[in-house]
Structure formats: C-alpha cells, structure tokens
Amino acid sequence: MHGLASPPRRARRAGFTILEILIAIVVLVLGITGIIALFPTAIESGNKTIEDSYAAAITQSVVDAIAVGLSESRYTVPAAGRTYSYFIFNHDGVLDAPPERPEDYSFNQQPRRDYMILLPQSKGGEPNVDALLEPVFVYPVPMPAGSATGGERDLGSLSPGALKDNLADTEWRTTTEGVRVPWISRVFQLGRYRAGAAVYPAGLGPGDIRSEFLGEAIASGGSMVAGDRAIASDPYPSYSFAFYLQRARVDTNGPGGVPDGQILSTPAGVADAYSNSLYELRIMVFRNFDLQTAAALATDTGLPVPRSNVPVREFITLISL
C-alpha cells in the first residue's frame, strides 16, 4: 500500500534582493565613471589630431607657395646701396590686392605689402661667418614696437647699420605662463576675402571671412541680415600663420665651430659662412590669433602674450634658390 504523496515544495520566488541591486548599481557607476574619465583625454587627443592635420596642410601649402614664388616671380631691387631679392607670395591669407607690375616694386611706395617677401642679407660684408650679423625677417611685416601703424621693411631700415632683426632680444615678450616667445604682431589670416576683387557678397568685404566658411545668416528683428552671420561652420578661418626667413650656414670645408658673435680673421671662404642661396624657413601656425592684443603689445611691452598668440605648431625647413 502506497503512502500518501507529500505536497509539492513551493517554488522559490525569482528576483533580486536590495543588496544585489545596490552592488549592481555600484559596479555600474564605477564603470561609467571610468568611461567618463576618458572623455577629456579623448577630446584633447581629437583636438590635437585636428590641429596637426590643419597645421600640416597649411604648412605644406605655404612651402609650395614660397617655392612657386621663388621660381616664377623673383625680382631684384636696389636699396641702401645694395641689391635685394624679393618674390611674390600668393597664398590664402594675403589681403593686399595683387600687384599689377611686381617687377616695378618700390620701397617708397609699398613698404609693407604682405605679398612682397624680401630675402634677408648680412649686416656685414661677405662672406659672413658671424651669427649676430645675420638678421631674421618675419612675415607678414611686423608693426614696429611703440607704434600700432607703419612698417619695418622700408628703405631706411635696409641699410647695414639699421637692418632690422625681427627676432632680436627686443622683439620677445613673456606669455601668461612666464615663457619668453617671439612677438608676432601680424599674421596671415586664412579664409578671408582679399582686396582688389570686383564684387563681394552683400555685407562682406576685404578681410571678412569668406561666405563658404560661414553658417546661415542670423535673424535680426524678424528678418535675415546678411552681414550678421553665425559662427563659421568650418574651423579653417580660425587658423592663421606667420613665417620667418634667415640665411642658412653652409659647410664650406672650413674649421666650423664659429662662436656666435665672433668674426674670424681668416681669408674669405675658409670659415663656414652663410649662404646667399639657402634659407632657413620657419612656419608658425596659430589658432584664434588675438589681433587686438597683438596691436596692444606694440605700444605696451609689459602686456603678457595670450595663449592664442603662441603658435600651436612650428615647422622648420630649408628653401633653396
């Protein structure tokens, strides 16, 4: 005789306890916190990648424009008892109207046109082996210290005794972080309209950001105003550049090792000298360059240089004639 079957055990109810839920939340929060902590690094890395890409492209285009200018539009002009070479720099960022006859360039008429690139010469005789006699020419031509107008590349500044070195000690400033940097007072701003065009879009003119880089017009008083545009839709116009040229020292089978500031009393051509056909080119790329502060630095040397006026990238190469 079979006994009576025992009643079935009641099935355990499925679910999570409060403790399990709390543990899961803690684990989830820790994981999200770790992921969020990576965001600033990822954003900074992405910004640097973008800056590197723009800076590399800008630099290459500047080098190409200089190479074309040297090969296709190089001229000479007498100045201060010497004969200087110059070439036409045709690149985005040059705002002056193109010259009609660049071969007729005159220092008295065009002392600081931003398309006119003058090649530096030694302050002394040739061949020169003294680094202190080799000036550096910065472009676009800087504003002279103490003045917000005028140029430093005119006929009077090209005589050997007055030859202006734009990277001399007097042309350096201190940043907000306390670092000494070259004072760059003017830059070639990219993505702007150049002077000399027959027609400009309504509300825009020379020096304004080109319309292809702007957003839609901003509504003002219920109507769309062409002159009031949204923030540029492309970061390209936020970039600008400047560059400087200096003659490069070449190996002429001399003893070398010439200390800066020392002129060797040796026969011409024995010591390593600076070349008339090889130049050092340094290109400085900026992001959001502050023109107002740059102009203020011309008259107030005590102002700190903002971070926006310090190059985000610099490239150095050699240019051969």
Protein backbone atom coordinates (compact mmCIF):
# COMPACT_ATOMS: atom_id res chain seq x y z
CA MET A 1 0.00 0.00 0.00
CA HIS A 2 1.45 3.18 -1.11
CA GLY A 3 1.68 6.06 1.32
CA LEU A 4 0.19 9.41 0.67
CA ALA A 5 2.35 11.65 -1.55
CA SER A 6 3.85 14.68 0.20
CA PRO A 7 2.64 18.06 -1.06
CA PRO A 8 4.93 19.66 -3.70
CA ARG A 9 7.51 22.12 -2.38
CA ARG A 10 6.52 25.65 -3.09
CA ALA A 11 8.69 27.12 -5.90
CA ARG A 12 11.08 29.85 -4.72
CA ARG A 13 10.10 33.26 -5.98
CA ALA A 14 12.60 34.67 -8.58
CA GLY A 15 14.03 38.22 -8.18
CA PHE A 16 16.85 40.40 -6.77
CA THR A 17 17.41 41.46 -3.28
CA ILE A 18 18.09 45.06 -2.38
CA LEU A 19 21.70 44.18 -1.64
CA GLU A 20 22.19 42.70 -5.11
CA ILE A 21 20.67 45.78 -6.71
CA LEU A 22 22.95 48.07 -4.72
CA ILE A 23 26.02 46.07 -5.71
CA ALA A 24 24.99 46.22 -9.38
CA ILE A 25 24.48 49.98 -9.15
CA VAL A 26 27.90 50.47 -7.58
CA VAL A 27 29.56 48.39 -10.29
CA LEU A 28 27.68 50.30 -12.98
CA VAL A 29 28.63 53.69 -11.50
CA LEU A 30 32.30 52.70 -11.26
CA GLY A 31 32.28 51.58 -14.88
CA ILE A 32 30.58 54.76 -16.11
CA THR A 33 32.95 56.90 -14.05
CA GLY A 34 35.94 55.21 -15.66
CA ILE A 35 34.50 55.78 -19.12
CA ILE A 36 33.68 59.43 -18.41
CA ALA A 37 37.22 59.98 -17.11
CA LEU A 38 38.47 59.04 -20.57
CA PHE A 39 36.40 61.74 -22.31
CA PRO A 40 38.70 64.75 -21.64
CA THR A 41 41.72 62.78 -22.81
CA ALA A 42 39.89 61.58 -25.90
CA ILE A 43 38.61 65.09 -26.69
CA GLU A 44 42.07 66.60 -26.23
CA SER A 45 43.61 63.91 -28.38
CA GLY A 46 40.99 64.52 -31.06
CA ASN A 47 41.61 68.28 -30.97
CA LYS A 48 45.36 67.76 -31.31
CA THR A 49 44.80 65.43 -34.23
CA ILE A 50 42.64 68.06 -35.95
CA GLU A 51 45.22 70.78 -35.24
CA ASP A 52 48.01 68.57 -36.54
CA SER A 53 46.08 67.91 -39.75
CA TYR A 54 45.29 71.57 -40.36
CA ALA A 55 48.79 72.71 -39.39
CA ALA A 56 50.44 70.14 -41.67
CA ALA A 57 48.21 71.07 -44.61
CA ILE A 58 48.74 74.81 -44.05
CA THR A 59 52.49 74.37 -43.74
CA GLN A 60 52.78 72.36 -46.92
CA SER A 61 50.72 74.89 -48.86
CA VAL A 62 52.90 77.74 -47.57
CA VAL A 63 56.09 75.91 -48.57
CA ASP A 64 54.61 75.26 -52.01
CA ALA A 65 53.58 78.92 -52.44
CA ILE A 66 57.06 80.10 -51.45
CA ALA A 67 58.68 77.64 -53.86
CA VAL A 68 56.42 78.85 -56.68
CA GLY A 69 57.16 82.49 -55.85
CA LEU A 70 60.91 81.91 -55.85
CA SER A 71 60.83 80.09 -59.17
CA GLU A 72 58.27 82.19 -61.07
CA SER A 73 58.16 85.70 -59.60
CA ARG A 74 61.55 86.59 -58.15
CA TYR A 75 62.93 90.05 -58.80
CA THR A 76 65.66 92.39 -57.57
CA VAL A 77 65.57 95.97 -56.36
CA PRO A 78 68.36 98.37 -55.31
CA ALA A 79 68.11 99.58 -51.71
CA ALA A 80 70.56 101.27 -49.32
CA GLY A 81 73.50 100.68 -51.64
CA ARG A 82 72.68 97.01 -52.09
CA THR A 83 70.64 94.86 -54.41
CA TYR A 84 67.90 92.93 -52.63
CA SER A 85 65.98 89.97 -53.99
CA TYR A 86 62.26 89.60 -53.38
CA PHE A 87 59.45 87.39 -54.61
CA ILE A 88 55.66 87.49 -54.76
CA PHE A 89 53.90 85.37 -52.15
CA ASN A 90 50.49 84.31 -53.42
CA HIS A 91 48.63 82.38 -50.74
CA ASP A 92 45.34 82.44 -48.88
CA GLY A 93 45.76 84.95 -46.08
CA VAL A 94 47.41 87.61 -48.22
CA LEU A 95 44.92 90.50 -48.04
CA ASP A 96 46.60 93.20 -50.12
CA ALA A 97 45.42 93.50 -53.71
CA PRO A 98 47.71 91.72 -56.19
CA PRO A 99 50.42 93.95 -57.71
CA GLU A 100 49.89 94.98 -61.31
CA ARG A 101 53.61 95.09 -62.06
CA PRO A 102 55.58 93.33 -59.31
CA GLU A 103 58.84 93.99 -61.14
CA ASP A 104 58.31 97.71 -60.51
CA TYR A 105 58.28 97.28 -56.74
CA SER A 106 59.35 100.39 -54.85
CA PHE A 107 60.11 100.54 -51.13
CA ASN A 108 58.87 104.11 -51.03
CA GLN A 109 55.50 103.15 -52.48
CA GLN A 110 54.95 99.70 -50.94
CA PRO A 111 56.92 99.42 -47.69
CA ARG A 112 54.92 96.60 -46.14
CA ARG A 113 52.75 94.86 -48.71
CA ASP A 114 52.06 91.40 -47.35
CA TYR A 115 52.67 89.71 -50.70
CA MET A 116 56.19 91.17 -51.03
CA ILE A 117 58.76 88.84 -49.44
CA LEU A 118 62.25 90.29 -49.17
CA LEU A 119 65.17 87.91 -48.74
CA PRO A 120 67.48 88.93 -45.85
CA GLN A 121 71.15 89.78 -46.24
CA SER A 122 74.02 90.07 -43.80
CA LYS A 123 74.55 93.27 -41.82
CA GLY A 124 78.25 92.94 -42.55
CA GLY A 125 80.43 92.06 -45.51
CA GLU A 126 80.53 88.82 -47.43
CA PRO A 127 81.23 86.04 -46.79
CA ASN A 128 79.79 86.38 -43.31
CA VAL A 129 80.52 83.84 -40.54
CA ASP A 130 79.06 85.81 -37.61
CA ALA A 131 75.59 84.72 -36.48
CA LEU A 132 74.96 88.09 -34.84
CA LEU A 133 75.20 89.78 -38.23
CA GLU A 134 72.50 87.60 -39.77
CA PRO A 135 69.06 89.24 -39.41
CA VAL A 136 65.76 87.37 -39.39
CA PHE A 137 62.89 88.74 -41.48
CA VAL A 138 59.41 87.95 -40.15
CA TYR A 139 56.34 87.93 -42.43
CA PRO A 140 53.86 89.49 -42.56
CA VAL A 141 55.99 92.53 -41.76
CA PRO A 142 55.57 93.29 -38.04
CA MET A 143 54.42 96.57 -36.62
CA PRO A 144 57.30 98.47 -35.05
CA ALA A 145 57.42 98.47 -31.27
CA GLY A 146 55.83 101.62 -29.87
CA SER A 147 53.50 102.11 -32.82
CA ALA A 148 50.31 100.44 -33.98
CA THR A 149 50.88 101.53 -37.58
CA GLY A 150 53.73 101.66 -40.06
CA GLY A 151 56.13 99.04 -41.33
CA GLU A 152 59.62 97.88 -40.56
CA ARG A 153 60.68 96.86 -44.05
CA ASP A 154 61.25 100.23 -45.72
CA LEU A 155 64.20 101.75 -47.48
CA GLY A 156 65.68 103.29 -44.33
CA SER A 157 65.68 100.02 -42.39
CA LEU A 158 67.66 98.14 -45.04
CA SER A 159 70.99 99.90 -44.69
CA PRO A 160 73.56 97.64 -42.96
CA GLY A 161 73.73 99.82 -39.85
CA ALA A 162 69.94 99.90 -39.36
CA LEU A 163 68.98 96.46 -40.68
CA LYS A 164 66.01 95.28 -38.62
CA ASP A 165 66.14 91.85 -37.00
CA ASN A 166 62.58 90.83 -36.12
CA LEU A 167 63.77 88.13 -33.70
CA ALA A 168 66.17 90.38 -31.80
CA ASP A 169 66.01 90.36 -27.99
CA THR A 170 63.82 93.48 -28.05
CA GLU A 171 61.19 91.63 -30.09
CA TRP A 172 60.48 88.95 -27.48
CA ARG A 173 57.67 89.01 -24.94
CA THR A 174 56.57 86.93 -21.92
CA THR A 175 53.45 84.75 -22.06
CA THR A 176 50.85 84.46 -19.32
CA GLU A 177 52.73 81.30 -18.24
CA GLY A 178 56.01 83.23 -17.96
CA VAL A 179 57.65 81.81 -21.10
CA ARG A 180 59.62 84.09 -23.44
CA VAL A 181 58.38 83.87 -27.03
CA PRO A 182 58.92 85.89 -30.22
CA TRP A 183 56.47 88.76 -30.52
CA ILE A 184 54.33 88.22 -33.62
CA SER A 185 52.23 91.32 -34.19
CA ARG A 186 50.62 90.35 -37.51
CA VAL A 187 49.58 87.09 -39.14
CA PHE A 188 48.19 85.84 -42.43
CA GLN A 189 44.56 85.07 -41.51
CA LEU A 190 43.09 82.24 -43.55
CA GLY A 191 39.72 82.10 -45.23
CA ARG A 192 39.37 85.88 -45.76
CA TYR A 193 38.42 87.96 -48.78
CA ARG A 194 41.36 89.64 -50.46
CA ALA A 195 41.32 93.27 -51.51
CA GLY A 196 41.05 94.05 -55.20
CA ALA A 197 38.08 91.84 -56.09
CA ALA A 198 35.49 93.37 -58.41
CA VAL A 199 32.48 92.08 -56.43
CA TYR A 200 31.97 90.86 -52.86
CA PRO A 201 28.88 89.20 -51.36
CA ALA A 202 26.40 91.57 -49.77
CA GLY A 203 27.58 92.74 -46.36
CA LEU A 204 31.09 91.31 -46.79
CA GLY A 205 34.36 92.85 -47.94
CA PRO A 206 38.16 92.61 -47.74
CA GLY A 207 39.32 90.94 -44.55
CA ASP A 208 35.96 89.30 -43.78
CA ILE A 209 35.58 85.54 -43.54
CA ARG A 210 34.58 84.10 -46.91
CA SER A 211 30.95 83.10 -47.19
CA GLU A 212 31.70 79.41 -47.84
CA PHE A 213 33.07 79.13 -44.31
CA LEU A 214 30.12 80.87 -42.62
CA GLY A 215 26.87 79.49 -41.30
CA GLU A 216 23.43 80.79 -42.09
CA ALA A 217 22.52 84.45 -41.65
CA ILE A 218 21.22 85.39 -38.20
CA ALA A 219 17.66 86.61 -37.87
CA SER A 220 17.54 90.18 -36.60
CA GLY A 221 14.23 91.89 -35.90
CA GLY A 222 12.33 89.21 -37.76
CA SER A 223 14.47 89.44 -40.90
CA MET A 224 17.65 87.71 -42.06
CA VAL A 225 20.61 90.09 -42.04
CA ALA A 226 23.36 89.13 -44.48
CA GLY A 227 26.08 90.94 -42.54
CA ASP A 228 25.28 89.13 -39.28
CA ARG A 229 26.43 85.59 -39.76
CA ALA A 230 26.57 82.61 -37.47
CA ILE A 231 29.87 81.19 -36.23
CA ALA A 232 31.98 79.80 -39.03
CA SER A 233 30.88 76.27 -39.86
CA ASP A 234 34.46 75.30 -40.73
CA PRO A 235 37.38 75.81 -38.29
CA TYR A 236 39.69 76.77 -41.16
CA PRO A 237 39.22 80.57 -40.70
CA SER A 238 40.29 80.24 -37.06
CA TYR A 239 43.81 79.37 -38.23
CA SER A 240 46.49 81.80 -39.27
CA PHE A 241 50.22 81.69 -39.85
CA ALA A 242 53.40 83.69 -39.98
CA PHE A 243 56.88 82.72 -41.09
CA TYR A 244 60.41 83.98 -40.98
CA LEU A 245 63.39 83.67 -43.26
CA GLN A 246 67.07 83.61 -42.34
CA ARG A 247 70.12 82.71 -44.35
CA ALA A 248 71.44 79.23 -43.56
CA ARG A 249 75.03 78.48 -42.69
CA VAL A 250 76.60 76.01 -45.11
CA ASP A 251 79.62 73.76 -44.83
CA THR A 252 82.40 75.33 -46.90
CA ASN A 253 85.07 72.92 -45.64
CA GLY A 254 86.16 75.42 -43.04
CA PRO A 255 87.06 74.67 -39.43
CA GLY A 256 83.46 75.20 -38.29
CA GLY A 257 82.51 75.76 -34.70
CA VAL A 258 82.45 79.54 -35.08
CA PRO A 259 81.10 81.02 -31.82
CA ASP A 260 78.13 83.34 -32.17
CA GLY A 261 79.28 86.93 -32.20
CA GLN A 262 82.85 86.14 -33.22
CA ILE A 263 84.23 87.09 -36.62
CA LEU A 264 87.24 85.06 -37.62
CA SER A 265 90.15 86.95 -39.16
CA THR A 266 90.67 84.31 -41.81
CA PRO A 267 90.77 84.53 -45.60
CA ALA A 268 87.43 84.68 -47.35
CA GLY A 269 85.85 81.29 -47.85
CA VAL A 270 87.87 79.49 -45.17
CA ALA A 271 85.39 79.63 -42.29
CA ASP A 272 81.86 78.22 -42.65
CA ALA A 273 79.77 81.12 -43.90
CA TYR A 274 76.12 81.91 -44.52
CA SER A 275 74.67 81.23 -47.93
CA ASN A 276 73.06 83.56 -50.47
CA SER A 277 71.09 80.70 -51.97
CA LEU A 278 69.97 78.62 -48.97
CA TYR A 279 67.48 79.94 -46.41
CA GLU A 280 66.00 78.60 -43.22
CA LEU A 281 62.23 78.84 -43.23
CA ARG A 282 60.24 78.56 -40.00
CA ILE A 283 56.44 78.47 -40.30
CA MET A 284 54.34 79.23 -37.22
CA VAL A 285 50.68 78.16 -37.22
CA PHE A 286 48.24 79.87 -34.83
CA ARG A 287 44.69 79.13 -33.69
CA ASN A 288 42.33 82.01 -32.82
CA PHE A 289 45.06 84.65 -33.00
CA ASP A 290 44.11 87.75 -30.97
CA LEU A 291 44.71 90.75 -33.23
CA GLN A 292 43.67 93.33 -30.63
CA THR A 293 46.15 92.07 -28.04
CA ALA A 294 48.85 91.86 -30.71
CA ALA A 295 48.26 95.51 -31.58
CA ALA A 296 48.27 96.48 -27.90
CA LEU A 297 51.63 94.76 -27.45
CA ALA A 298 53.07 97.17 -29.99
CA THR A 299 52.62 100.06 -27.58
CA ASP A 300 52.69 98.25 -24.22
CA THR A 301 55.63 95.86 -23.96
CA GLY A 302 54.56 94.83 -20.45
CA LEU A 303 51.39 93.03 -21.58
CA PRO A 304 51.58 89.22 -21.45
CA VAL A 305 51.19 87.30 -24.68
CA PRO A 306 47.94 85.29 -24.56
CA ARG A 307 47.96 81.60 -25.30
CA SER A 308 46.14 82.21 -28.59
CA ASN A 309 49.13 84.25 -29.82
CA VAL A 310 51.58 81.43 -29.22
CA PRO A 311 51.99 79.03 -32.18
CA VAL A 312 50.18 75.73 -31.83
CA ARG A 313 52.67 74.16 -34.25
CA GLU A 314 56.02 75.19 -35.76
CA PHE A 315 57.83 73.70 -38.73
CA ILE A 316 61.37 74.34 -39.94
CA THR A 317 62.75 73.54 -43.38
CA LEU A 318 65.32 74.80 -45.85
CA ILE A 319 64.50 76.67 -49.03
CA SER A 320 66.98 76.73 -51.90
CA LEU A 321 67.08 79.32 -54.64
